[in-house]
Amino acid sequence: MPEPEQTITNCGTCGNAMNVTAVAPFSNVECPTCGAKERVKTEFGHYTLTRRLAEGGMSLVFVAMDNTLGREVALKILNEAYSADEKRITAFEEEARITASFSHPHVVRVFTTGRAFGRFYIAMELVPGGHFEHQIRERGKIPEAEILPFAVQVAEGLEAARAAGLIHRDIKPGNILLDAQGSAKIVDFGLALLTKDGSATAQEIWATPYYVPPETIEGHPEDFRSDLYAFGATLYHALAGKPPCDEDTMSTDKLREAKKHIRSLRTAAPDITDDTCAIVDQAMAYGVDKSR
């Protein structure tokens, strides 16, 4: 991939030309001549960045205005390392194209993808309610009566994606958003392709070990049943107020064994109904040939 062209911006106070090629989008840069602060790289393709939403190891997410259609979007901008990997970007673009081709109320819409300043970006539906992960962190155990409608919504979104030929590969509380009405919306379909070349690395597994399906640990191919496992683990965490694996499970061998002996939801949360316990336990059965 060719090096991006140099990006030069002029200080709004003294007019000094500053090379901001290596600077992250929406950064405040201090002019070396007069010391004034200048916000740079706010125009990204045909989008104007207005505020930062989130930051992770892979990307930055901004609220942005689509200057062509006049609507606010969430703009996920990948970092330089991921943006430079053409093979992975091509694989992700194909899944993004499929995601953009269908609409479902419980899947975050993908509008388009592109590049600016040498970085790959994804324009998506802006969902104002935050991540489900925040709910678990702030509230701990969430009542079953509240979780059941949420679970149906996520299941419907996953089924619609499966019917379209998509698997998510990274279902977890942080990849389920809540809109202003509290409805669930799954985000980042296919984004895990940017961190995988057919098998999961230790870093990827330990980022969210509670939700990783056994087949990922074993290096086996993933399919929609892998999403069901991760979804079951997400529900378990919300209903029990604690993850299905112990936090000190800090090796691949120990994690593999822990997932073979997940304590039942009934044991972890005795107040949950039998039907819900059975569904969650079945989703987390070890091995895709068991019941998933």
C-alpha atoms as a PDB file:
ATOM      1  CA  MET A   1       0.000   0.000   0.000  1.00  0.00           C
ATOM      2  CA  PRO A   2       1.487   3.419  -0.943  1.00  0.00           C
ATOM      3  CA  GLU A   3       2.350   5.881   1.776  1.00  0.00           C
ATOM      4  CA  PRO A   4      -0.385   8.481   2.347  1.00  0.00           C
ATOM      5  CA  GLU A   5       0.262  11.933   0.980  1.00  0.00           C
ATOM      6  CA  GLN A   6       1.545  14.488   3.436  1.00  0.00           C
ATOM      7  CA  THR A   7      -1.168  16.419   5.238  1.00  0.00           C
ATOM      8  CA  ILE A   8      -0.372  20.079   5.818  1.00  0.00           C
ATOM      9  CA  THR A   9      -2.548  22.440   7.840  1.00  0.00           C
ATOM     10  CA  ASN A  10      -2.026  26.110   8.591  1.00  0.00           C
ATOM     11  CA  CYS A  11      -2.206  27.518  12.103  1.00  0.00           C
ATOM     12  CA  GLY A  12      -5.349  29.613  12.401  1.00  0.00           C
ATOM     13  CA  THR A  13      -3.504  32.151  14.549  1.00  0.00           C
ATOM     14  CA  CYS A  14      -0.163  32.765  12.831  1.00  0.00           C
ATOM     15  CA  GLY A  15      -0.534  30.945   9.515  1.00  0.00           C
ATOM     16  CA  ASN A  16       2.422  28.615  10.107  1.00  0.00           C
ATOM     17  CA  ALA A  17       2.291  25.456   7.958  1.00  0.00           C
ATOM     18  CA  MET A  18       2.300  22.280  10.078  1.00  0.00           C
ATOM     19  CA  ASN A  19       2.856  18.716   8.857  1.00  0.00           C
ATOM     20  CA  VAL A  20       0.163  16.632  10.595  1.00  0.00           C
ATOM     21  CA  THR A  21       0.478  13.492   8.454  1.00  0.00           C
ATOM     22  CA  ALA A  22       1.216  11.246  11.455  1.00  0.00           C
ATOM     23  CA  VAL A  23      -1.332  12.884  13.748  1.00  0.00           C
ATOM     24  CA  ALA A  24      -4.510  11.014  14.695  1.00  0.00           C
ATOM     25  CA  PRO A  25      -7.880  12.337  13.477  1.00  0.00           C
ATOM     26  CA  PHE A  26      -9.513  15.108  15.527  1.00  0.00           C
ATOM     27  CA  SER A  27      -6.296  15.825  17.441  1.00  0.00           C
ATOM     28  CA  ASN A  28      -5.399  19.129  19.075  1.00  0.00           C
ATOM     29  CA  VAL A  29      -1.992  20.164  17.740  1.00  0.00           C
ATOM     30  CA  GLU A  30       0.130  22.924  19.228  1.00  0.00           C
ATOM     31  CA  CYS A  31       1.665  25.293  16.702  1.00  0.00           C
ATOM     32  CA  PRO A  32       5.471  25.235  17.158  1.00  0.00           C
ATOM     33  CA  THR A  33       5.658  28.904  16.178  1.00  0.00           C
ATOM     34  CA  CYS A  34       3.018  30.636  18.301  1.00  0.00           C
ATOM     35  CA  GLY A  35       1.840  27.891  20.683  1.00  0.00           C
ATOM     36  CA  ALA A  36      -1.814  28.113  19.649  1.00  0.00           C
ATOM     37  CA  LYS A  37      -3.876  24.887  19.668  1.00  0.00           C
ATOM     38  CA  GLU A  38      -5.390  23.798  16.371  1.00  0.00           C
ATOM     39  CA  ARG A  39      -7.919  20.986  15.861  1.00  0.00           C
ATOM     40  CA  VAL A  40      -6.766  18.992  12.801  1.00  0.00           C
ATOM     41  CA  LYS A  41      -8.165  16.294  10.521  1.00  0.00           C
ATOM     42  CA  THR A  42     -11.785  17.118  11.282  1.00  0.00           C
ATOM     43  CA  GLU A  43     -12.802  16.648   7.633  1.00  0.00           C
ATOM     44  CA  PHE A  44     -12.696  12.931   6.879  1.00  0.00           C
ATOM     45  CA  GLY A  45     -13.832  12.084   3.379  1.00  0.00           C
ATOM     46  CA  HIS A  46     -17.226  13.766   3.066  1.00  0.00           C
ATOM     47  CA  TYR A  47     -17.716  13.611   6.847  1.00  0.00           C
ATOM     48  CA  THR A  48     -17.045  16.267   9.481  1.00  0.00           C
ATOM     49  CA  LEU A  49     -15.963  14.858  12.849  1.00  0.00           C
ATOM     50  CA  THR A  50     -17.782  16.595  15.712  1.00  0.00           C
ATOM     51  CA  ARG A  51     -16.867  14.637  18.855  1.00  0.00           C
ATOM     52  CA  ARG A  52     -15.122  11.474  19.964  1.00  0.00           C
ATOM     53  CA  LEU A  53     -17.310   8.592  21.121  1.00  0.00           C
ATOM     54  CA  ALA A  54     -14.882   5.805  21.951  1.00  0.00           C
ATOM     55  CA  GLU A  55     -11.327   4.575  21.560  1.00  0.00           C
ATOM     56  CA  GLY A  56      -9.976   1.036  21.365  1.00  0.00           C
ATOM     57  CA  GLY A  57      -6.875  -0.813  20.286  1.00  0.00           C
ATOM     58  CA  MET A  58      -8.184  -1.125  16.747  1.00  0.00           C
ATOM     59  CA  SER A  59      -9.970   2.143  16.108  1.00  0.00           C
ATOM     60  CA  LEU A  60     -11.363   5.503  17.117  1.00  0.00           C
ATOM     61  CA  VAL A  61     -15.110   6.163  16.906  1.00  0.00           C
ATOM     62  CA  PHE A  62     -16.549   9.628  16.313  1.00  0.00           C
ATOM     63  CA  VAL A  63     -19.889  11.287  15.912  1.00  0.00           C
ATOM     64  CA  ALA A  64     -19.695  12.786  12.432  1.00  0.00           C
ATOM     65  CA  MET A  65     -21.894  14.745  10.064  1.00  0.00           C
ATOM     66  CA  ASP A  66     -22.416  13.256   6.610  1.00  0.00           C
ATOM     67  CA  ASN A  67     -22.061  16.411   4.518  1.00  0.00           C
ATOM     68  CA  THR A  68     -23.623  14.749   1.473  1.00  0.00           C
ATOM     69  CA  LEU A  69     -26.819  13.458   3.079  1.00  0.00           C
ATOM     70  CA  GLY A  70     -26.996  15.827   6.038  1.00  0.00           C
ATOM     71  CA  ARG A  71     -27.266  13.179   8.754  1.00  0.00           C
ATOM     72  CA  GLU A  72     -25.254  12.252  11.829  1.00  0.00           C
ATOM     73  CA  VAL A  73     -23.414   8.932  11.762  1.00  0.00           C
ATOM     74  CA  ALA A  74     -20.960   6.983  13.872  1.00  0.00           C
ATOM     75  CA  LEU A  75     -17.626   6.951  12.040  1.00  0.00           C
ATOM     76  CA  LYS A  76     -15.234   4.178  13.062  1.00  0.00           C
ATOM     77  CA  ILE A  77     -11.698   5.002  11.892  1.00  0.00           C
ATOM     78  CA  LEU A  78      -9.211   2.129  11.984  1.00  0.00           C
ATOM     79  CA  ASN A  79      -5.659   2.725  13.121  1.00  0.00           C
ATOM     80  CA  GLU A  80      -2.761   2.729  10.680  1.00  0.00           C
ATOM     81  CA  ALA A  81      -1.691  -0.876  11.252  1.00  0.00           C
ATOM     82  CA  TYR A  82      -5.111  -2.334  10.458  1.00  0.00           C
ATOM     83  CA  SER A  83      -5.728   0.122   7.626  1.00  0.00           C
ATOM     84  CA  ALA A  84      -2.507  -1.011   5.924  1.00  0.00           C
ATOM     85  CA  ASP A  85      -3.418  -4.728   5.830  1.00  0.00           C
ATOM     86  CA  GLU A  86      -5.068  -5.002   2.420  1.00  0.00           C
ATOM     87  CA  LYS A  87      -5.928  -8.704   2.710  1.00  0.00           C
ATOM     88  CA  ARG A  88      -7.853  -8.244   5.927  1.00  0.00           C
ATOM     89  CA  ILE A  89      -9.441  -5.002   4.788  1.00  0.00           C
ATOM     90  CA  THR A  90     -10.697  -6.741   1.632  1.00  0.00           C
ATOM     91  CA  ALA A  91     -12.250  -9.548   3.696  1.00  0.00           C
ATOM     92  CA  PHE A  92     -13.876  -7.069   6.035  1.00  0.00           C
ATOM     93  CA  GLU A  93     -15.179  -4.906   3.176  1.00  0.00           C
ATOM     94  CA  GLU A  94     -16.992  -7.937   1.775  1.00  0.00           C
ATOM     95  CA  GLU A  95     -18.752  -8.557   5.087  1.00  0.00           C
ATOM     96  CA  ALA A  96     -19.482  -4.840   5.438  1.00  0.00           C
ATOM     97  CA  ARG A  97     -21.053  -4.927   1.976  1.00  0.00           C
ATOM     98  CA  ILE A  98     -23.308  -7.825   3.009  1.00  0.00           C
ATOM     99  CA  THR A  99     -24.217  -6.087   6.274  1.00  0.00           C
ATOM    100  CA  ALA A 100     -25.101  -2.923   4.365  1.00  0.00           C
ATOM    101  CA  SER A 101     -27.294  -4.933   1.986  1.00  0.00           C
ATOM    102  CA  PHE A 102     -29.914  -5.820   4.597  1.00  0.00           C
ATOM    103  CA  SER A 103     -31.734  -3.882   7.274  1.00  0.00           C
ATOM    104  CA  HIS A 104     -32.859  -5.244  10.612  1.00  0.00           C
ATOM    105  CA  PRO A 105     -34.063  -3.301  13.655  1.00  0.00           C
ATOM    106  CA  HIS A 106     -31.601  -5.110  15.927  1.00  0.00           C
ATOM    107  CA  VAL A 107     -28.479  -4.795  13.766  1.00  0.00           C
ATOM    108  CA  VAL A 108     -26.594  -1.509  13.477  1.00  0.00           C
ATOM    109  CA  ARG A 109     -26.752  -0.394   9.860  1.00  0.00           C
ATOM    110  CA  VAL A 110     -23.544   0.009   7.875  1.00  0.00           C
ATOM    111  CA  PHE A 111     -23.820   2.854   5.368  1.00  0.00           C
ATOM    112  CA  THR A 112     -20.471   2.837   3.594  1.00  0.00           C
ATOM    113  CA  THR A 113     -16.727   2.300   3.902  1.00  0.00           C
ATOM    114  CA  GLY A 114     -13.824   4.315   2.565  1.00  0.00           C
ATOM    115  CA  ARG A 115     -10.404   5.828   3.181  1.00  0.00           C
ATOM    116  CA  ALA A 116      -9.081   9.232   4.177  1.00  0.00           C
ATOM    117  CA  PHE A 117      -5.589  10.252   5.314  1.00  0.00           C
ATOM    118  CA  GLY A 118      -4.502   6.666   4.622  1.00  0.00           C
ATOM    119  CA  ARG A 119      -6.970   5.263   7.144  1.00  0.00           C
ATOM    120  CA  PHE A 120      -9.918   2.967   6.521  1.00  0.00           C
ATOM    121  CA  TYR A 121     -13.268   4.091   7.915  1.00  0.00           C
ATOM    122  CA  ILE A 122     -16.760   2.655   8.356  1.00  0.00           C
ATOM    123  CA  ALA A 123     -19.826   4.898   8.487  1.00  0.00           C
ATOM    124  CA  MET A 124     -22.592   3.385  10.616  1.00  0.00           C
ATOM    125  CA  GLU A 125     -25.912   4.177  12.195  1.00  0.00           C
ATOM    126  CA  LEU A 126     -25.471   6.345  15.291  1.00  0.00           C
ATOM    127  CA  VAL A 127     -26.978   4.612  18.343  1.00  0.00           C
ATOM    128  CA  PRO A 128     -27.294   6.979  21.326  1.00  0.00           C
ATOM    129  CA  GLY A 129     -27.882   4.613  24.253  1.00  0.00           C
ATOM    130  CA  GLY A 130     -24.404   3.191  24.892  1.00  0.00           C
ATOM    131  CA  HIS A 131     -23.113  -0.373  25.229  1.00  0.00           C
ATOM    132  CA  PHE A 132     -24.804  -3.215  27.083  1.00  0.00           C
ATOM    133  CA  GLU A 133     -21.426  -3.677  28.762  1.00  0.00           C
ATOM    134  CA  HIS A 134     -22.033  -0.412  30.618  1.00  0.00           C
ATOM    135  CA  GLN A 135     -25.309  -1.783  31.964  1.00  0.00           C
ATOM    136  CA  ILE A 136     -23.614  -4.892  33.355  1.00  0.00           C
ATOM    137  CA  ARG A 137     -20.765  -2.865  34.836  1.00  0.00           C
ATOM    138  CA  GLU A 138     -23.052  -0.355  36.523  1.00  0.00           C
ATOM    139  CA  ARG A 139     -25.890  -2.627  37.597  1.00  0.00           C
ATOM    140  CA  GLY A 140     -24.269  -6.023  38.022  1.00  0.00           C
ATOM    141  CA  LYS A 141     -27.066  -8.585  37.944  1.00  0.00           C
ATOM    142  CA  ILE A 142     -29.926  -7.582  35.640  1.00  0.00           C
ATOM    143  CA  PRO A 143     -33.469  -8.918  36.277  1.00  0.00           C
ATOM    144  CA  GLU A 144     -34.625 -11.815  34.114  1.00  0.00           C
ATOM    145  CA  ALA A 145     -37.821  -9.982  33.126  1.00  0.00           C
ATOM    146  CA  GLU A 146     -35.679  -7.232  31.655  1.00  0.00           C
ATOM    147  CA  ILE A 147     -33.195  -9.562  29.980  1.00  0.00           C
ATOM    148  CA  LEU A 148     -35.725 -11.754  28.153  1.00  0.00           C
ATOM    149  CA  PRO A 149     -36.967  -9.099  25.667  1.00  0.00           C
ATOM    150  CA  PHE A 150     -33.351  -8.037  25.141  1.00  0.00           C
ATOM    151  CA  ALA A 151     -32.359 -11.663  24.447  1.00  0.00           C
ATOM    152  CA  VAL A 152     -35.135 -12.081  21.881  1.00  0.00           C
ATOM    153  CA  GLN A 153     -33.988  -8.928  20.083  1.00  0.00           C
ATOM    154  CA  VAL A 154     -30.364 -10.047  19.891  1.00  0.00           C
ATOM    155  CA  ALA A 155     -31.411 -13.545  18.774  1.00  0.00           C
ATOM    156  CA  GLU A 156     -33.541 -12.050  16.002  1.00  0.00           C
ATOM    157  CA  GLY A 157     -30.616  -9.913  14.853  1.00  0.00           C
ATOM    158  CA  LEU A 158     -28.250 -12.891  14.818  1.00  0.00           C
ATOM    159  CA  GLU A 159     -30.766 -15.007  12.906  1.00  0.00           C
ATOM    160  CA  ALA A 160     -31.231 -12.277  10.286  1.00  0.00           C
ATOM    161  CA  ALA A 161     -27.472 -12.048   9.877  1.00  0.00           C
ATOM    162  CA  ARG A 162     -27.119 -15.829   9.611  1.00  0.00           C
ATOM    163  CA  ALA A 163     -29.782 -15.883   6.910  1.00  0.00           C
ATOM    164  CA  ALA A 164     -27.759 -13.251   5.026  1.00  0.00           C
ATOM    165  CA  GLY A 165     -24.626 -15.389   5.274  1.00  0.00           C
ATOM    166  CA  LEU A 166     -22.935 -13.481   8.099  1.00  0.00           C
ATOM    167  CA  ILE A 167     -21.442 -14.567  11.383  1.00  0.00           C
ATOM    168  CA  HIS A 168     -20.261 -12.031  13.930  1.00  0.00           C
ATOM    169  CA  ARG A 169     -17.268 -13.812  15.528  1.00  0.00           C
ATOM    170  CA  ASP A 170     -17.086 -11.461  18.509  1.00  0.00           C
ATOM    171  CA  ILE A 171     -20.438 -11.296  20.315  1.00  0.00           C
ATOM    172  CA  LYS A 172     -19.986  -9.762  23.762  1.00  0.00           C
ATOM    173  CA  PRO A 173     -21.693  -7.066  25.858  1.00  0.00           C
ATOM    174  CA  GLY A 174     -19.468  -4.385  24.332  1.00  0.00           C
ATOM    175  CA  ASN A 175     -20.714  -5.214  20.827  1.00  0.00           C
ATOM    176  CA  ILE A 176     -24.393  -4.842  21.686  1.00  0.00           C
ATOM    177  CA  LEU A 177     -25.655  -1.264  21.731  1.00  0.00           C
ATOM    178  CA  LEU A 178     -28.863   0.078  23.243  1.00  0.00           C
ATOM    179  CA  ASP A 179     -30.891   2.737  21.468  1.00  0.00           C
ATOM    180  CA  ALA A 180     -32.824   5.559  23.135  1.00  0.00           C
ATOM    181  CA  GLN A 181     -35.746   3.170  23.823  1.00  0.00           C
ATOM    182  CA  GLY A 182     -33.469   0.489  25.286  1.00  0.00           C
ATOM    183  CA  SER A 183     -33.725  -1.845  22.278  1.00  0.00           C
ATOM    184  CA  ALA A 184     -30.685  -3.951  21.405  1.00  0.00           C
ATOM    185  CA  LYS A 185     -28.612  -3.423  18.268  1.00  0.00           C
ATOM    186  CA  ILE A 186     -25.648  -5.639  17.354  1.00  0.00           C
ATOM    187  CA  VAL A 187     -22.603  -3.783  16.041  1.00  0.00           C
ATOM    188  CA  ASP A 188     -19.290  -4.632  14.330  1.00  0.00           C
ATOM    189  CA  PHE A 189     -20.203  -7.648  12.206  1.00  0.00           C
ATOM    190  CA  GLY A 190     -17.054  -9.021  10.619  1.00  0.00           C
ATOM    191  CA  LEU A 191     -14.703  -6.623  12.390  1.00  0.00           C
ATOM    192  CA  ALA A 192     -13.001  -9.614  14.021  1.00  0.00           C
ATOM    193  CA  LEU A 193     -11.734 -10.528  10.538  1.00  0.00           C
ATOM    194  CA  LEU A 194      -9.262  -7.671  10.881  1.00  0.00           C
ATOM    195  CA  THR A 195      -7.584  -9.387  13.833  1.00  0.00           C
ATOM    196  CA  LYS A 196      -7.634 -12.971  12.600  1.00  0.00           C
ATOM    197  CA  ASP A 197      -5.976 -14.974   9.848  1.00  0.00           C
ATOM    198  CA  GLY A 198      -7.842 -18.210  10.520  1.00  0.00           C
ATOM    199  CA  SER A 199      -6.977 -18.732  14.172  1.00  0.00           C
ATOM    200  CA  ALA A 200      -7.223 -16.630  17.284  1.00  0.00           C
ATOM    201  CA  THR A 201      -4.093 -15.216  18.881  1.00  0.00           C
ATOM    202  CA  ALA A 202      -3.582 -15.233  22.627  1.00  0.00           C
ATOM    203  CA  GLN A 203      -4.147 -11.480  22.690  1.00  0.00           C
ATOM    204  CA  GLU A 204      -7.523 -11.856  20.979  1.00  0.00           C
ATOM    205  CA  ILE A 205      -8.641 -14.648  23.307  1.00  0.00           C
ATOM    206  CA  TRP A 206      -7.635 -12.842  26.491  1.00  0.00           C
ATOM    207  CA  ALA A 207      -9.287  -9.593  25.447  1.00  0.00           C
ATOM    208  CA  THR A 208     -12.697 -11.160  26.266  1.00  0.00           C
ATOM    209  CA  PRO A 209     -12.076 -14.737  27.480  1.00  0.00           C
ATOM    210  CA  TYR A 210     -15.507 -15.148  29.085  1.00  0.00           C
ATOM    211  CA  TYR A 211     -17.325 -15.066  25.750  1.00  0.00           C
ATOM    212  CA  VAL A 212     -14.851 -16.845  23.452  1.00  0.00           C
ATOM    213  CA  PRO A 213     -16.321 -20.155  22.185  1.00  0.00           C
ATOM    214  CA  PRO A 214     -14.311 -23.366  22.669  1.00  0.00           C
ATOM    215  CA  GLU A 215     -13.794 -23.848  18.929  1.00  0.00           C
ATOM    216  CA  THR A 216     -11.945 -20.528  18.778  1.00  0.00           C
ATOM    217  CA  ILE A 217      -9.570 -21.635  21.530  1.00  0.00           C
ATOM    218  CA  GLU A 218      -9.011 -24.919  19.694  1.00  0.00           C
ATOM    219  CA  GLY A 219      -8.347 -23.125  16.397  1.00  0.00           C
ATOM    220  CA  HIS A 220     -11.336 -24.770  14.702  1.00  0.00           C
ATOM    221  CA  PRO A 221     -13.534 -23.003  12.118  1.00  0.00           C
ATOM    222  CA  GLU A 222     -16.278 -20.782  13.500  1.00  0.00           C
ATOM    223  CA  ASP A 223     -19.884 -20.709  12.337  1.00  0.00           C
ATOM    224  CA  PHE A 224     -23.181 -19.282  13.617  1.00  0.00           C
ATOM    225  CA  ARG A 225     -23.054 -21.662  16.589  1.00  0.00           C
ATOM    226  CA  SER A 226     -19.960 -19.810  17.761  1.00  0.00           C
ATOM    227  CA  ASP A 227     -22.087 -16.681  17.945  1.00  0.00           C
ATOM    228  CA  LEU A 228     -24.679 -18.621  19.962  1.00  0.00           C
ATOM    229  CA  TYR A 229     -22.036 -19.627  22.508  1.00  0.00           C
ATOM    230  CA  ALA A 230     -20.843 -16.053  22.943  1.00  0.00           C
ATOM    231  CA  PHE A 231     -24.447 -14.844  23.158  1.00  0.00           C
ATOM    232  CA  GLY A 232     -25.178 -17.447  25.852  1.00  0.00           C
ATOM    233  CA  ALA A 233     -22.113 -16.317  27.804  1.00  0.00           C
ATOM    234  CA  THR A 234     -23.295 -12.712  27.539  1.00  0.00           C
ATOM    235  CA  LEU A 235     -26.727 -13.632  28.914  1.00  0.00           C
ATOM    236  CA  TYR A 236     -25.113 -15.678  31.671  1.00  0.00           C
ATOM    237  CA  HIS A 237     -23.021 -12.696  32.772  1.00  0.00           C
ATOM    238  CA  ALA A 238     -26.048 -10.399  32.821  1.00  0.00           C
ATOM    239  CA  LEU A 239     -28.341 -12.831  34.657  1.00  0.00           C
ATOM    240  CA  ALA A 240     -25.807 -14.104  37.197  1.00  0.00           C
ATOM    241  CA  GLY A 241     -24.030 -10.804  37.708  1.00  0.00           C
ATOM    242  CA  LYS A 242     -20.703 -12.527  37.111  1.00  0.00           C
ATOM    243  CA  PRO A 243     -18.984 -14.127  34.111  1.00  0.00           C
ATOM    244  CA  PRO A 244     -19.209 -17.872  33.456  1.00  0.00           C
ATOM    245  CA  CYS A 245     -15.441 -18.364  33.947  1.00  0.00           C
ATOM    246  CA  ASP A 246     -13.282 -17.369  36.891  1.00  0.00           C
ATOM    247  CA  GLU A 247     -11.200 -14.238  36.423  1.00  0.00           C
ATOM    248  CA  ASP A 248      -8.000 -16.059  37.397  1.00  0.00           C
ATOM    249  CA  THR A 249      -8.291 -18.460  34.445  1.00  0.00           C
ATOM    250  CA  MET A 250      -5.187 -16.997  32.824  1.00  0.00           C
ATOM    251  CA  SER A 251      -3.823 -19.687  30.527  1.00  0.00           C
ATOM    252  CA  THR A 252      -5.186 -21.357  27.425  1.00  0.00           C
ATOM    253  CA  ASP A 253      -5.176 -24.804  29.048  1.00  0.00           C
ATOM    254  CA  LYS A 254      -6.997 -23.535  32.132  1.00  0.00           C
ATOM    255  CA  LEU A 255      -9.501 -21.640  30.015  1.00  0.00           C
ATOM    256  CA  ARG A 256     -10.175 -24.736  27.917  1.00  0.00           C
ATOM    257  CA  GLU A 257     -10.821 -26.767  31.052  1.00  0.00           C
ATOM    258  CA  ALA A 258     -12.955 -24.022  32.573  1.00  0.00           C
ATOM    259  CA  LYS A 259     -15.186 -23.991  29.516  1.00  0.00           C
ATOM    260  CA  LYS A 260     -15.638 -27.747  29.760  1.00  0.00           C
ATOM    261  CA  HIS A 261     -16.937 -27.328  33.313  1.00  0.00           C
ATOM    262  CA  ILE A 262     -19.015 -24.150  33.288  1.00  0.00           C
ATOM    263  CA  ARG A 263     -21.199 -24.098  36.379  1.00  0.00           C
ATOM    264  CA  SER A 264     -24.853 -24.113  35.392  1.00  0.00           C
ATOM    265  CA  LEU A 265     -26.772 -20.868  35.440  1.00  0.00           C
ATOM    266  CA  ARG A 266     -29.096 -22.479  37.985  1.00  0.00           C
ATOM    267  CA  THR A 267     -26.140 -22.822  40.380  1.00  0.00           C
ATOM    268  CA  ALA A 268     -24.896 -19.288  39.760  1.00  0.00           C
ATOM    269  CA  ALA A 269     -28.352 -17.674  39.846  1.00  0.00           C
ATOM    270  CA  PRO A 270     -30.950 -19.842  41.654  1.00  0.00           C
ATOM    271  CA  ASP A 271     -33.729 -17.299  41.095  1.00  0.00           C
ATOM    272  CA  ILE A 272     -33.689 -17.678  37.301  1.00  0.00           C
ATOM    273  CA  THR A 273     -36.479 -19.802  35.789  1.00  0.00           C
ATOM    274  CA  ASP A 274     -35.805 -23.329  34.569  1.00  0.00           C
ATOM    275  CA  ASP A 275     -36.535 -22.513  30.914  1.00  0.00           C
ATOM    276  CA  THR A 276     -34.095 -19.603  30.821  1.00  0.00           C
ATOM    277  CA  CYS A 277     -31.410 -21.632  32.584  1.00  0.00           C
ATOM    278  CA  ALA A 278     -31.835 -24.465  30.091  1.00  0.00           C
ATOM    279  CA  ILE A 279     -31.515 -22.131  27.088  1.00  0.00           C
ATOM    280  CA  VAL A 280     -28.373 -20.427  28.398  1.00  0.00           C
ATOM    281  CA  ASP A 281     -26.733 -23.700  29.455  1.00  0.00           C
ATOM    282  CA  GLN A 282     -27.507 -25.264  26.084  1.00  0.00           C
ATOM    283  CA  ALA A 283     -26.007 -22.307  24.238  1.00  0.00           C
ATOM    284  CA  MET A 284     -22.787 -22.794  26.195  1.00  0.00           C
ATOM    285  CA  ALA A 285     -22.502 -26.561  25.749  1.00  0.00           C
ATOM    286  CA  TYR A 286     -18.873 -27.498  25.063  1.00  0.00           C
ATOM    287  CA  GLY A 287     -18.365 -28.342  21.400  1.00  0.00           C
ATOM    288  CA  VAL A 288     -20.616 -27.378  18.518  1.00  0.00           C
ATOM    289  CA  ASP A 289     -21.701 -31.002  18.086  1.00  0.00           C
ATOM    290  CA  LYS A 290     -23.272 -31.133  21.563  1.00  0.00           C
ATOM    291  CA  SER A 291     -26.390 -29.023  21.206  1.00  0.00           C
ATOM    292  CA  ARG A 292     -25.545 -25.721  19.626  1.00  0.00           C
END
